[in-house]
C-alpha atoms as a PDB file:
ATOM      1  CA  MET A   1     -95.656 159.051 -10.666  1.00  0.00           C
ATOM      2  CA  SER A   2     -93.074 156.312 -10.664  1.00  0.00           C
ATOM      3  CA  GLY A   3     -92.382 153.918 -13.599  1.00  0.00           C
ATOM      4  CA  ARG A   4     -93.458 150.833 -11.524  1.00  0.00           C
ATOM      5  CA  GLY A   5     -97.093 151.865 -11.704  1.00  0.00           C
ATOM      6  CA  THR A   6     -97.393 151.004 -15.427  1.00  0.00           C
ATOM      7  CA  GLY A   7     -95.737 147.465 -15.322  1.00  0.00           C
ATOM      8  CA  HIS A   8     -96.790 143.995 -13.991  1.00  0.00           C
ATOM      9  CA  PRO A   9     -95.637 142.327 -10.771  1.00  0.00           C
ATOM     10  CA  PRO A  10     -92.644 140.006 -11.404  1.00  0.00           C
ATOM     11  CA  HIS A  11     -94.508 136.897 -10.095  1.00  0.00           C
ATOM     12  CA  LEU A  12     -97.373 137.493 -12.556  1.00  0.00           C
ATOM     13  CA  VAL A  13     -94.961 137.812 -15.485  1.00  0.00           C
ATOM     14  CA  ALA A  14     -93.328 134.538 -14.460  1.00  0.00           C
ATOM     15  CA  LEU A  15     -96.721 132.800 -14.242  1.00  0.00           C
ATOM     16  CA  VAL A  16     -97.746 133.996 -17.725  1.00  0.00           C
ATOM     17  CA  LEU A  17     -94.444 132.842 -19.199  1.00  0.00           C
ATOM     18  CA  ALA A  18     -94.790 129.423 -17.534  1.00  0.00           C
ATOM     19  CA  VAL A  19     -98.291 128.941 -18.913  1.00  0.00           C
ATOM     20  CA  GLY A  20     -97.091 129.924 -22.374  1.00  0.00           C
ATOM     21  CA  VAL A  21     -94.281 127.392 -22.254  1.00  0.00           C
ATOM     22  CA  LEU A  22     -96.694 124.664 -21.079  1.00  0.00           C
ATOM     23  CA  LEU A  23     -99.168 125.380 -23.893  1.00  0.00           C
ATOM     24  CA  ALA A  24     -96.402 125.359 -26.491  1.00  0.00           C
ATOM     25  CA  ALA A  25     -95.052 122.065 -25.174  1.00  0.00           C
ATOM     26  CA  THR A  26     -98.444 120.347 -25.239  1.00  0.00           C
ATOM     27  CA  GLY A  27     -99.580 121.824 -28.558  1.00  0.00           C
ATOM     28  CA  CYS A  28    -102.788 123.123 -26.946  1.00  0.00           C
ATOM     29  CA  SER A  29    -102.867 126.560 -28.654  1.00  0.00           C
ATOM     30  CA  SER A  30    -106.174 127.890 -29.963  1.00  0.00           C
ATOM     31  CA  GLY A  31    -106.795 127.112 -33.640  1.00  0.00           C
ATOM     32  CA  SER A  32    -103.769 124.807 -33.821  1.00  0.00           C
ATOM     33  CA  PRO A  33    -103.244 123.293 -37.280  1.00  0.00           C
ATOM     34  CA  GLU A  34    -101.942 120.093 -35.662  1.00  0.00           C
ATOM     35  CA  GLY A  35    -105.454 118.611 -35.349  1.00  0.00           C
ATOM     36  CA  PRO A  36    -107.765 118.051 -32.382  1.00  0.00           C
ATOM     37  CA  ALA A  37    -106.298 117.326 -28.963  1.00  0.00           C
ATOM     38  CA  THR A  38    -106.430 113.696 -27.843  1.00  0.00           C
ATOM     39  CA  ALA A  39    -108.663 113.058 -24.829  1.00  0.00           C
ATOM     40  CA  THR A  40    -106.888 111.879 -21.696  1.00  0.00           C
ATOM     41  CA  PRO A  41    -107.742 108.173 -21.177  1.00  0.00           C
ATOM     42  CA  THR A  42    -109.334 107.110 -17.900  1.00  0.00           C
ATOM     43  CA  PHE A  43    -108.890 103.711 -16.252  1.00  0.00           C
ATOM     44  CA  GLY A  44    -110.801 101.824 -13.575  1.00  0.00           C
ATOM     45  CA  PRO A  45    -109.134 100.055 -10.647  1.00  0.00           C
ATOM     46  CA  PRO A  46    -106.647  97.362 -11.705  1.00  0.00           C
ATOM     47  CA  LEU A  47    -107.798  93.758 -11.569  1.00  0.00           C
ATOM     48  CA  PRO A  48    -106.640  91.718  -8.568  1.00  0.00           C
ATOM     49  CA  GLY A  49    -103.105  90.371  -8.911  1.00  0.00           C
ATOM     50  CA  GLY A  50    -102.949  87.143 -10.914  1.00  0.00           C
ATOM     51  CA  ALA A  51    -106.539  87.465 -12.170  1.00  0.00           C
ATOM     52  CA  GLN A  52    -107.399  86.134 -15.628  1.00  0.00           C
ATOM     53  CA  VAL A  53    -110.415  86.819 -17.825  1.00  0.00           C
ATOM     54  CA  LEU A  54    -111.808  83.616 -19.376  1.00  0.00           C
ATOM     55  CA  ALA A  55    -114.041  84.007 -22.419  1.00  0.00           C
ATOM     56  CA  PRO A  56    -117.405  82.211 -22.575  1.00  0.00           C
ATOM     57  CA  VAL A  57    -117.087  78.542 -23.507  1.00  0.00           C
ATOM     58  CA  SER A  58    -118.910  76.770 -26.292  1.00  0.00           C
ATOM     59  CA  GLY A  59    -121.884  74.535 -25.649  1.00  0.00           C
ATOM     60  CA  GLU A  60    -125.435  74.712 -24.386  1.00  0.00           C
ATOM     61  CA  PRO A  61    -126.281  75.311 -20.719  1.00  0.00           C
ATOM     62  CA  SER A  62    -126.819  72.077 -18.804  1.00  0.00           C
ATOM     63  CA  ALA A  63    -128.893  71.886 -15.641  1.00  0.00           C
ATOM     64  CA  ALA A  64    -128.089  68.190 -15.247  1.00  0.00           C
ATOM     65  CA  PRO A  65    -125.932  67.300 -12.220  1.00  0.00           C
ATOM     66  CA  ALA A  66    -122.217  66.926 -12.812  1.00  0.00           C
ATOM     67  CA  PRO A  67    -121.450  63.393 -13.978  1.00  0.00           C
ATOM     68  CA  THR A  68    -120.076  61.024 -11.357  1.00  0.00           C
ATOM     69  CA  SER A  69    -118.124  57.837 -11.833  1.00  0.00           C
ATOM     70  CA  CYS A  70    -117.793  56.703  -8.226  1.00  0.00           C
ATOM     71  CA  ASP A  71    -119.342  56.832  -4.780  1.00  0.00           C
ATOM     72  CA  ALA A  72    -117.016  59.685  -3.828  1.00  0.00           C
ATOM     73  CA  THR A  73    -118.356  60.401  -0.336  1.00  0.00           C
ATOM     74  CA  ALA A  74    -117.895  56.799   0.850  1.00  0.00           C
ATOM     75  CA  SER A  75    -114.866  56.621   3.145  1.00  0.00           C
ATOM     76  CA  LEU A  76    -113.142  54.159   5.473  1.00  0.00           C
ATOM     77  CA  ARG A  77    -114.726  53.132   8.749  1.00  0.00           C
ATOM     78  CA  PRO A  78    -112.914  54.390  11.872  1.00  0.00           C
ATOM     79  CA  GLY A  79    -110.854  51.950  13.869  1.00  0.00           C
ATOM     80  CA  PRO A  80    -111.026  51.568  17.647  1.00  0.00           C
ATOM     81  CA  PRO A  81    -110.215  54.751  19.616  1.00  0.00           C
ATOM     82  CA  MET A  82    -106.559  55.184  20.578  1.00  0.00           C
ATOM     83  CA  PRO A  83    -105.220  57.106  23.584  1.00  0.00           C
ATOM     84  CA  PRO A  84    -103.567  60.395  22.591  1.00  0.00           C
ATOM     85  CA  GLY A  85     -99.855  59.948  21.938  1.00  0.00           C
ATOM     86  CA  ALA A  86    -100.061  56.132  21.811  1.00  0.00           C
ATOM     87  CA  MET A  87    -100.119  55.452  18.077  1.00  0.00           C
ATOM     88  CA  PRO A  88     -99.180  52.215  16.276  1.00  0.00           C
ATOM     89  CA  PRO A  89     -95.500  52.243  15.273  1.00  0.00           C
ATOM     90  CA  GLY A  90     -94.433  52.583  11.667  1.00  0.00           C
ATOM     91  CA  GLY A  91     -97.480  54.424  10.349  1.00  0.00           C
ATOM     92  CA  PRO A  92     -98.415  58.023   9.547  1.00  0.00           C
ATOM     93  CA  LEU A  93     -99.822  58.642  13.036  1.00  0.00           C
ATOM     94  CA  ALA A  94     -96.565  57.567  14.691  1.00  0.00           C
ATOM     95  CA  ARG A  95     -94.671  59.835  12.294  1.00  0.00           C
ATOM     96  CA  ILE A  96     -96.871  62.790  13.252  1.00  0.00           C
ATOM     97  CA  VAL A  97     -96.455  62.090  16.990  1.00  0.00           C
ATOM     98  CA  GLU A  98     -92.676  61.828  16.605  1.00  0.00           C
ATOM     99  CA  ARG A  99     -92.611  65.169  14.777  1.00  0.00           C
ATOM    100  CA  GLY A 100     -94.633  66.747  17.577  1.00  0.00           C
ATOM    101  CA  ARG A 101     -97.251  68.501  15.467  1.00  0.00           C
ATOM    102  CA  LEU A 102     -99.888  67.905  12.810  1.00  0.00           C
ATOM    103  CA  ILE A 103     -99.296  69.850   9.555  1.00  0.00           C
ATOM    104  CA  VAL A 104    -102.454  71.037   7.812  1.00  0.00           C
ATOM    105  CA  ALA A 105    -102.958  72.916   4.539  1.00  0.00           C
ATOM    106  CA  VAL A 106    -105.480  75.756   4.843  1.00  0.00           C
ATOM    107  CA  ASP A 107    -106.368  79.047   3.202  1.00  0.00           C
ATOM    108  CA  GLN A 108    -106.006  82.474   4.813  1.00  0.00           C
ATOM    109  CA  SER A 109    -108.700  84.360   2.904  1.00  0.00           C
ATOM    110  CA  THR A 110    -111.868  82.274   3.281  1.00  0.00           C
ATOM    111  CA  ASN A 111    -113.835  84.183   5.888  1.00  0.00           C
ATOM    112  CA  LEU A 112    -115.530  81.988   8.540  1.00  0.00           C
ATOM    113  CA  PHE A 113    -113.535  78.904   7.454  1.00  0.00           C
ATOM    114  CA  SER A 114    -109.831  79.758   7.428  1.00  0.00           C
ATOM    115  CA  TYR A 115    -108.794  83.379   7.468  1.00  0.00           C
ATOM    116  CA  ARG A 116    -106.219  85.519   9.210  1.00  0.00           C
ATOM    117  CA  ASP A 117    -107.871  87.226  12.162  1.00  0.00           C
ATOM    118  CA  PRO A 118    -106.983  90.941  11.971  1.00  0.00           C
ATOM    119  CA  ASP A 119    -106.862  91.278  15.758  1.00  0.00           C
ATOM    120  CA  SER A 120    -104.759  88.253  16.675  1.00  0.00           C
ATOM    121  CA  GLY A 121    -102.927  87.746  13.381  1.00  0.00           C
ATOM    122  CA  GLN A 122    -103.696  84.018  13.708  1.00  0.00           C
ATOM    123  CA  ILE A 123    -105.475  81.716  11.256  1.00  0.00           C
ATOM    124  CA  ALA A 124    -109.026  81.091  12.498  1.00  0.00           C
ATOM    125  CA  GLY A 125    -112.329  79.621  11.345  1.00  0.00           C
ATOM    126  CA  PHE A 126    -114.484  76.501  11.158  1.00  0.00           C
ATOM    127  CA  ASP A 127    -111.926  74.476   9.175  1.00  0.00           C
ATOM    128  CA  VAL A 128    -109.160  75.559  11.527  1.00  0.00           C
ATOM    129  CA  ASP A 129    -111.120  74.305  14.531  1.00  0.00           C
ATOM    130  CA  VAL A 130    -111.847  70.985  12.793  1.00  0.00           C
ATOM    131  CA  ALA A 131    -108.084  70.560  12.319  1.00  0.00           C
ATOM    132  CA  ARG A 132    -107.506  71.390  15.990  1.00  0.00           C
ATOM    133  CA  GLU A 133    -109.956  68.659  17.014  1.00  0.00           C
ATOM    134  CA  ILE A 134    -107.931  66.126  15.004  1.00  0.00           C
ATOM    135  CA  ALA A 135    -104.767  67.332  16.757  1.00  0.00           C
ATOM    136  CA  ARG A 136    -106.586  67.000  20.097  1.00  0.00           C
ATOM    137  CA  ASP A 137    -107.241  63.314  19.438  1.00  0.00           C
ATOM    138  CA  ILE A 138    -103.659  62.657  18.279  1.00  0.00           C
ATOM    139  CA  PHE A 139    -101.804  64.542  21.019  1.00  0.00           C
ATOM    140  CA  GLY A 140    -104.374  65.400  23.664  1.00  0.00           C
ATOM    141  CA  ASP A 141    -103.583  69.036  22.805  1.00  0.00           C
ATOM    142  CA  PRO A 142    -105.475  70.983  20.092  1.00  0.00           C
ATOM    143  CA  SER A 143    -102.660  73.518  19.777  1.00  0.00           C
ATOM    144  CA  LYS A 144    -100.173  71.004  18.356  1.00  0.00           C
ATOM    145  CA  VAL A 145    -100.941  71.843  14.747  1.00  0.00           C
ATOM    146  CA  GLU A 146     -98.998  73.809  12.146  1.00  0.00           C
ATOM    147  CA  PHE A 147    -101.085  75.568   9.513  1.00  0.00           C
ATOM    148  CA  GLN A 148     -99.546  76.012   6.082  1.00  0.00           C
ATOM    149  CA  VAL A 149    -101.258  78.480   3.761  1.00  0.00           C
ATOM    150  CA  ARG A 150    -101.722  76.779   0.389  1.00  0.00           C
ATOM    151  CA  ASP A 151    -103.740  77.894  -2.621  1.00  0.00           C
ATOM    152  CA  THR A 152    -106.021  75.616  -4.627  1.00  0.00           C
ATOM    153  CA  VAL A 153    -103.238  74.846  -7.114  1.00  0.00           C
ATOM    154  CA  ASP A 154    -100.576  73.475  -4.769  1.00  0.00           C
ATOM    155  CA  ARG A 155    -102.546  71.977  -1.871  1.00  0.00           C
ATOM    156  CA  GLU A 156    -102.824  68.524  -3.506  1.00  0.00           C
ATOM    157  CA  PRO A 157     -99.150  68.355  -4.551  1.00  0.00           C
ATOM    158  CA  ALA A 158     -98.173  69.316  -0.997  1.00  0.00           C
ATOM    159  CA  LEU A 159    -100.281  66.442   0.328  1.00  0.00           C
ATOM    160  CA  ARG A 160     -98.858  63.929  -2.124  1.00  0.00           C
ATOM    161  CA  ASP A 161     -95.214  64.857  -1.469  1.00  0.00           C
ATOM    162  CA  GLY A 162     -95.673  64.767   2.312  1.00  0.00           C
ATOM    163  CA  SER A 163     -95.236  68.496   2.963  1.00  0.00           C
ATOM    164  CA  VAL A 164     -98.596  68.452   4.764  1.00  0.00           C
ATOM    165  CA  ASP A 165    -100.517  65.674   6.515  1.00  0.00           C
ATOM    166  CA  LEU A 166    -104.033  66.911   5.760  1.00  0.00           C
ATOM    167  CA  ILE A 167    -106.004  69.422   3.715  1.00  0.00           C
ATOM    168  CA  VAL A 168    -108.807  71.067   5.707  1.00  0.00           C
ATOM    169  CA  ASN A 169    -109.837  73.798   3.298  1.00  0.00           C
ATOM    170  CA  ALA A 170    -113.557  73.728   2.376  1.00  0.00           C
ATOM    171  CA  MET A 171    -112.596  71.087  -0.182  1.00  0.00           C
ATOM    172  CA  THR A 172    -115.387  69.426  -2.140  1.00  0.00           C
ATOM    173  CA  ILE A 173    -115.239  65.653  -2.457  1.00  0.00           C
ATOM    174  CA  THR A 174    -115.314  64.672  -6.147  1.00  0.00           C
ATOM    175  CA  CYS A 175    -114.584  61.509  -8.106  1.00  0.00           C
ATOM    176  CA  ASP A 176    -111.837  63.298 -10.015  1.00  0.00           C
ATOM    177  CA  ARG A 177    -110.050  64.327  -6.832  1.00  0.00           C
ATOM    178  CA  ALA A 178    -110.621  60.909  -5.249  1.00  0.00           C
ATOM    179  CA  GLU A 179    -108.395  59.404  -7.944  1.00  0.00           C
ATOM    180  CA  ARG A 180    -105.468  61.412  -6.563  1.00  0.00           C
ATOM    181  CA  ILE A 181    -106.111  61.771  -2.824  1.00  0.00           C
ATOM    182  CA  ALA A 182    -108.204  60.097  -0.128  1.00  0.00           C
ATOM    183  CA  PHE A 183    -111.065  61.798   1.699  1.00  0.00           C
ATOM    184  CA  SER A 184    -112.667  61.576   5.099  1.00  0.00           C
ATOM    185  CA  THR A 185    -116.409  61.298   5.457  1.00  0.00           C
ATOM    186  CA  VAL A 186    -118.358  64.492   4.750  1.00  0.00           C
ATOM    187  CA  TYR A 187    -117.925  67.024   7.556  1.00  0.00           C
ATOM    188  CA  LEU A 188    -120.091  69.785   6.030  1.00  0.00           C
ATOM    189  CA  ASN A 189    -122.664  69.970   3.248  1.00  0.00           C
ATOM    190  CA  ALA A 190    -122.580  73.172   1.201  1.00  0.00           C
ATOM    191  CA  ALA A 191    -124.221  74.248  -2.074  1.00  0.00           C
ATOM    192  CA  GLN A 192    -122.923  76.459  -4.873  1.00  0.00           C
ATOM    193  CA  ARG A 193    -124.871  79.724  -5.256  1.00  0.00           C
ATOM    194  CA  ILE A 194    -124.450  83.302  -6.533  1.00  0.00           C
ATOM    195  CA  LEU A 195    -123.395  86.521  -4.774  1.00  0.00           C
ATOM    196  CA  VAL A 196    -124.456  89.910  -6.179  1.00  0.00           C
ATOM    197  CA  THR A 197    -124.885  93.540  -5.203  1.00  0.00           C
ATOM    198  CA  GLU A 198    -128.400  94.362  -4.009  1.00  0.00           C
ATOM    199  CA  GLY A 199    -130.583  95.581  -6.874  1.00  0.00           C
ATOM    200  CA  SER A 200    -128.390  93.965  -9.532  1.00  0.00           C
ATOM    201  CA  GLY A 201    -131.346  92.363 -11.292  1.00  0.00           C
ATOM    202  CA  ILE A 202    -129.614  88.978 -11.150  1.00  0.00           C
ATOM    203  CA  GLY A 203    -131.802  86.354  -9.518  1.00  0.00           C
ATOM    204  CA  GLY A 204    -130.320  83.082 -10.712  1.00  0.00           C
ATOM    205  CA  VAL A 205    -127.891  81.338 -13.010  1.00  0.00           C
ATOM    206  CA  ALA A 206    -129.934  82.087 -16.157  1.00  0.00           C
ATOM    207  CA  ASP A 207    -129.266  85.790 -15.590  1.00  0.00           C
ATOM    208  CA  LEU A 208    -125.504  85.263 -15.788  1.00  0.00           C
ATOM    209  CA  ALA A 209    -125.509  84.856 -19.588  1.00  0.00           C
ATOM    210  CA  GLY A 210    -123.398  87.655 -21.027  1.00  0.00           C
ATOM    211  CA  LYS A 211    -122.312  88.751 -17.543  1.00  0.00           C
ATOM    212  CA  ARG A 212    -118.855  88.751 -15.971  1.00  0.00           C
ATOM    213  CA  VAL A 213    -118.684  86.382 -12.999  1.00  0.00           C
ATOM    214  CA  CYS A 214    -115.859  85.954 -10.490  1.00  0.00           C
ATOM    215  CA  THR A 215    -114.706  82.597  -9.188  1.00  0.00           C
ATOM    216  CA  VAL A 216    -111.441  80.816  -8.352  1.00  0.00           C
ATOM    217  CA  PRO A 217    -109.610  78.435 -10.737  1.00  0.00           C
ATOM    218  CA  ASN A 218    -109.098  74.741  -9.951  1.00  0.00           C
ATOM    219  CA  THR A 219    -112.390  74.660  -8.044  1.00  0.00           C
ATOM    220  CA  THR A 220    -115.677  72.889  -8.618  1.00  0.00           C
ATOM    221  CA  SER A 221    -117.295  76.344  -8.703  1.00  0.00           C
ATOM    222  CA  LEU A 222    -115.558  77.224 -11.980  1.00  0.00           C
ATOM    223  CA  ALA A 223    -116.285  73.859 -13.596  1.00  0.00           C
ATOM    224  CA  ASN A 224    -119.948  73.991 -12.580  1.00  0.00           C
ATOM    225  CA  LEU A 225    -120.391  77.574 -13.813  1.00  0.00           C
ATOM    226  CA  GLN A 226    -118.935  76.802 -17.233  1.00  0.00           C
ATOM    227  CA  ARG A 227    -121.145  73.722 -17.537  1.00  0.00           C
ATOM    228  CA  ILE A 228    -124.382  75.307 -16.303  1.00  0.00           C
ATOM    229  CA  GLN A 229    -123.931  78.780 -17.833  1.00  0.00           C
ATOM    230  CA  PRO A 230    -121.283  78.673 -20.583  1.00  0.00           C
ATOM    231  CA  ALA A 231    -122.321  82.139 -21.863  1.00  0.00           C
ATOM    232  CA  ALA A 232    -120.815  83.836 -18.805  1.00  0.00           C
ATOM    233  CA  THR A 233    -117.420  85.520 -18.962  1.00  0.00           C
ATOM    234  CA  VAL A 234    -115.275  84.459 -16.002  1.00  0.00           C
ATOM    235  CA  LEU A 235    -112.872  86.543 -13.959  1.00  0.00           C
ATOM    236  CA  ALA A 236    -110.678  83.883 -12.348  1.00  0.00           C
ATOM    237  CA  THR A 237    -108.948  85.263  -9.247  1.00  0.00           C
ATOM    238  CA  GLU A 238    -106.461  83.685  -6.878  1.00  0.00           C
ATOM    239  CA  THR A 239    -108.667  83.974  -3.768  1.00  0.00           C
ATOM    240  CA  TRP A 240    -112.300  84.434  -2.782  1.00  0.00           C
ATOM    241  CA  ALA A 241    -111.328  87.687  -1.089  1.00  0.00           C
ATOM    242  CA  ASP A 242    -110.262  88.953  -4.527  1.00  0.00           C
ATOM    243  CA  CYS A 243    -113.776  88.181  -5.781  1.00  0.00           C
ATOM    244  CA  LEU A 244    -115.189  90.351  -3.006  1.00  0.00           C
ATOM    245  CA  VAL A 245    -113.002  93.281  -4.066  1.00  0.00           C
ATOM    246  CA  ALA A 246    -113.851  92.788  -7.757  1.00  0.00           C
ATOM    247  CA  LEU A 247    -117.567  92.792  -6.928  1.00  0.00           C
ATOM    248  CA  GLN A 248    -117.283  95.916  -4.787  1.00  0.00           C
ATOM    249  CA  GLN A 249    -115.361  97.730  -7.537  1.00  0.00           C
ATOM    250  CA  ARG A 250    -117.942  96.739 -10.186  1.00  0.00           C
ATOM    251  CA  GLN A 251    -115.354  94.745 -12.128  1.00  0.00           C
ATOM    252  CA  VAL A 252    -117.774  91.809 -12.169  1.00  0.00           C
ATOM    253  CA  ASP A 253    -121.542  91.447 -12.066  1.00  0.00           C
ATOM    254  CA  ALA A 254    -121.562  88.477  -9.689  1.00  0.00           C
ATOM    255  CA  ALA A 255    -119.446  85.886  -7.913  1.00  0.00           C
ATOM    256  CA  THR A 256    -120.185  82.196  -7.526  1.00  0.00           C
ATOM    257  CA  ALA A 257    -118.902  79.771  -4.914  1.00  0.00           C
ATOM    258  CA  ASP A 258    -120.219  77.545  -2.151  1.00  0.00           C
ATOM    259  CA  ASP A 259    -122.896  79.265  -0.071  1.00  0.00           C
ATOM    260  CA  THR A 260    -120.723  78.844   3.011  1.00  0.00           C
ATOM    261  CA  GLU A 261    -117.893  80.806   1.391  1.00  0.00           C
ATOM    262  CA  LEU A 262    -120.271  83.406  -0.056  1.00  0.00           C
ATOM    263  CA  ALA A 263    -121.743  83.942   3.412  1.00  0.00           C
ATOM    264  CA  GLY A 264    -118.261  84.839   4.619  1.00  0.00           C
ATOM    265  CA  LEU A 265    -117.948  87.422   1.837  1.00  0.00           C
ATOM    266  CA  ALA A 266    -121.451  88.828   2.380  1.00  0.00           C
ATOM    267  CA  ALA A 267    -120.723  89.244   6.094  1.00  0.00           C
ATOM    268  CA  GLN A 268    -118.107  91.840   5.120  1.00  0.00           C
ATOM    269  CA  ASP A 269    -120.438  94.019   3.010  1.00  0.00           C
ATOM    270  CA  PRO A 270    -124.084  94.823   3.884  1.00  0.00           C
ATOM    271  CA  TYR A 271    -124.885  95.641   0.243  1.00  0.00           C
ATOM    272  CA  LEU A 272    -124.239  92.101  -0.996  1.00  0.00           C
ATOM    273  CA  GLU A 273    -126.775  89.280  -1.113  1.00  0.00           C
ATOM    274  CA  ILE A 274    -126.835  85.594  -2.010  1.00  0.00           C
ATOM    275  CA  VAL A 275    -129.418  84.768  -4.689  1.00  0.00           C
ATOM    276  CA  GLY A 276    -130.802  81.834  -6.646  1.00  0.00           C
ATOM    277  CA  GLY A 277    -131.069  78.180  -5.825  1.00  0.00           C
ATOM    278  CA  SER A 278    -128.323  75.596  -5.576  1.00  0.00           C
ATOM    279  CA  LEU A 279    -126.217  75.149  -8.698  1.00  0.00           C
ATOM    280  CA  GLU A 280    -124.595  72.011  -7.308  1.00  0.00           C
ATOM    281  CA  PRO A 281    -124.198  70.255  -3.924  1.00  0.00           C
ATOM    282  CA  GLU A 282    -120.723  70.620  -2.415  1.00  0.00           C
ATOM    283  CA  PRO A 283    -119.849  68.011   0.253  1.00  0.00           C
ATOM    284  CA  TYR A 284    -116.667  68.929   2.148  1.00  0.00           C
ATOM    285  CA  GLY A 285    -114.125  66.348   3.228  1.00  0.00           C
ATOM    286  CA  VAL A 286    -110.675  66.317   4.823  1.00  0.00           C
ATOM    287  CA  GLY A 287    -108.019  65.488   2.220  1.00  0.00           C
ATOM    288  CA  VAL A 288    -105.493  62.771   3.135  1.00  0.00           C
ATOM    289  CA  ASN A 289    -102.616  61.170   1.238  1.00  0.00           C
ATOM    290  CA  ILE A 290    -104.103  58.241  -0.649  1.00  0.00           C
ATOM    291  CA  ALA A 291    -101.479  55.907   0.859  1.00  0.00           C
ATOM    292  CA  ASP A 292    -102.318  56.830   4.481  1.00  0.00           C
ATOM    293  CA  GLU A 293    -105.319  54.583   5.151  1.00  0.00           C
ATOM    294  CA  GLU A 294    -104.599  54.587   8.895  1.00  0.00           C
ATOM    295  CA  LEU A 295    -104.833  58.382   8.984  1.00  0.00           C
ATOM    296  CA  VAL A 296    -108.107  58.393   7.018  1.00  0.00           C
ATOM    297  CA  ARG A 297    -109.673  56.053   9.580  1.00  0.00           C
ATOM    298  CA  PHE A 298    -108.348  58.147  12.459  1.00  0.00           C
ATOM    299  CA  VAL A 299    -109.753  61.393  11.021  1.00  0.00           C
ATOM    300  CA  ASN A 300    -113.113  59.690  10.543  1.00  0.00           C
ATOM    301  CA  GLY A 301    -112.979  58.678  14.197  1.00  0.00           C
ATOM    302  CA  THR A 302    -112.493  62.324  15.182  1.00  0.00           C
ATOM    303  CA  LEU A 303    -115.412  63.406  12.991  1.00  0.00           C
ATOM    304  CA  GLU A 304    -117.576  60.677  14.546  1.00  0.00           C
ATOM    305  CA  ARG A 305    -116.686  61.944  18.025  1.00  0.00           C
ATOM    306  CA  MET A 306    -117.481  65.531  17.018  1.00  0.00           C
ATOM    307  CA  ARG A 307    -120.920  64.472  15.776  1.00  0.00           C
ATOM    308  CA  SER A 308    -121.769  62.512  18.895  1.00  0.00           C
ATOM    309  CA  ASP A 309    -120.400  64.774  21.655  1.00  0.00           C
ATOM    310  CA  GLY A 310    -121.839  68.042  20.324  1.00  0.00           C
ATOM    311  CA  THR A 311    -118.532  69.547  19.181  1.00  0.00           C
ATOM    312  CA  TRP A 312    -119.669  69.785  15.548  1.00  0.00           C
ATOM    313  CA  THR A 313    -122.825  71.713  16.471  1.00  0.00           C
ATOM    314  CA  LYS A 314    -120.861  73.980  18.805  1.00  0.00           C
ATOM    315  CA  LEU A 315    -118.416  74.882  16.026  1.00  0.00           C
ATOM    316  CA  TYR A 316    -121.234  75.434  13.533  1.00  0.00           C
ATOM    317  CA  ASP A 317    -123.050  77.768  15.908  1.00  0.00           C
ATOM    318  CA  HIS A 318    -119.852  79.699  16.566  1.00  0.00           C
ATOM    319  CA  TRP A 319    -118.707  80.167  12.968  1.00  0.00           C
ATOM    320  CA  LEU A 320    -121.624  79.537  10.622  1.00  0.00           C
ATOM    321  CA  SER A 321    -124.728  80.857  12.387  1.00  0.00           C
ATOM    322  CA  VAL A 322    -125.022  83.424   9.569  1.00  0.00           C
ATOM    323  CA  LEU A 323    -126.355  80.502   7.499  1.00  0.00           C
ATOM    324  CA  GLY A 324    -129.127  79.851  10.014  1.00  0.00           C
ATOM    325  CA  PRO A 325    -129.627  77.340  12.837  1.00  0.00           C
ATOM    326  CA  ALA A 326    -127.215  74.420  12.877  1.00  0.00           C
ATOM    327  CA  PRO A 327    -128.513  71.433  10.908  1.00  0.00           C
ATOM    328  CA  ALA A 328    -127.835  67.879  11.977  1.00  0.00           C
ATOM    329  CA  PRO A 329    -124.223  66.894  11.279  1.00  0.00           C
ATOM    330  CA  PRO A 330    -123.730  65.035   7.973  1.00  0.00           C
ATOM    331  CA  GLU A 331    -124.296  61.299   8.310  1.00  0.00           C
ATOM    332  CA  PRO A 332    -121.120  59.300   7.655  1.00  0.00           C
ATOM    333  CA  HIS A 333    -121.059  57.012   4.643  1.00  0.00           C
ATOM    334  CA  TYR A 334    -118.611  54.102   4.691  1.00  0.00           C
ATOM    335  CA  ARG A 335    -117.561  51.675   1.987  1.00  0.00           C
ATOM    336  CA  ASP A 336    -116.267  48.895   4.273  1.00  0.00           C
END
């Protein structure tokens, strides 16, 4: 009998020694006098980049409509139609024609309205096509438009400093905003509602008390939520797409936004549903520099054409049929 038969294989000895060193290093020996081992902490998925948690605000819930101090949806009556490319000298339209393109602020994460198509890589959606119709009437060519991706924080400053000509970005017309920028007539009527996971038990805004709700800062959705249900904790994210991810990862109980935007989120996940009635009406308008009256009237002329020639209904059916059959286009409301 050889001496090897009574020993251990070298690889087994090495394994035992390695385990012993590891246990000594971590202090995990049986009956250690050092005290109980600390449990390894576990963490959920990180919050979306730039997200902030806003604590509930003080005050009682208010179902009353948001206060208004003006007739915000009243705009300027369109002037006579002008041939494409033949714009009056010295004004904003002539400046746009000379440049050779219309510059429009949009989003790239609002599904159905303005989002980056994964197949083409291009910005697409209902708002994008509205902007193209305006370019069609200016140039005779709907492709002569440059889309600049702007978030809700810097879209107005970009309009005021002339970096963009228009904002076409599911933007609600409000009296507060109308003090800083001009608006077209209403091109789409939306309503703020709630998006939840099926079976959540949330059926309306009253159920959001004590819940965590996702929305985007600097929007009417956030202001309305804090007024109507101040007992909700808010996760404020940079984009609506971030709200979708937060909802899917159970980081929030619900999201609230315009029903048109929520429909775009729900279309990406069959386990999501829109619930409850309207929290607040949300009339969308095209944002224009407050000094560019000529451009406001021109945009209103394009919207009038789209209502009368069927273009508006065609675009609605193409992009927003998930909301149901196309309603009649919004009636224009003028103040002059």
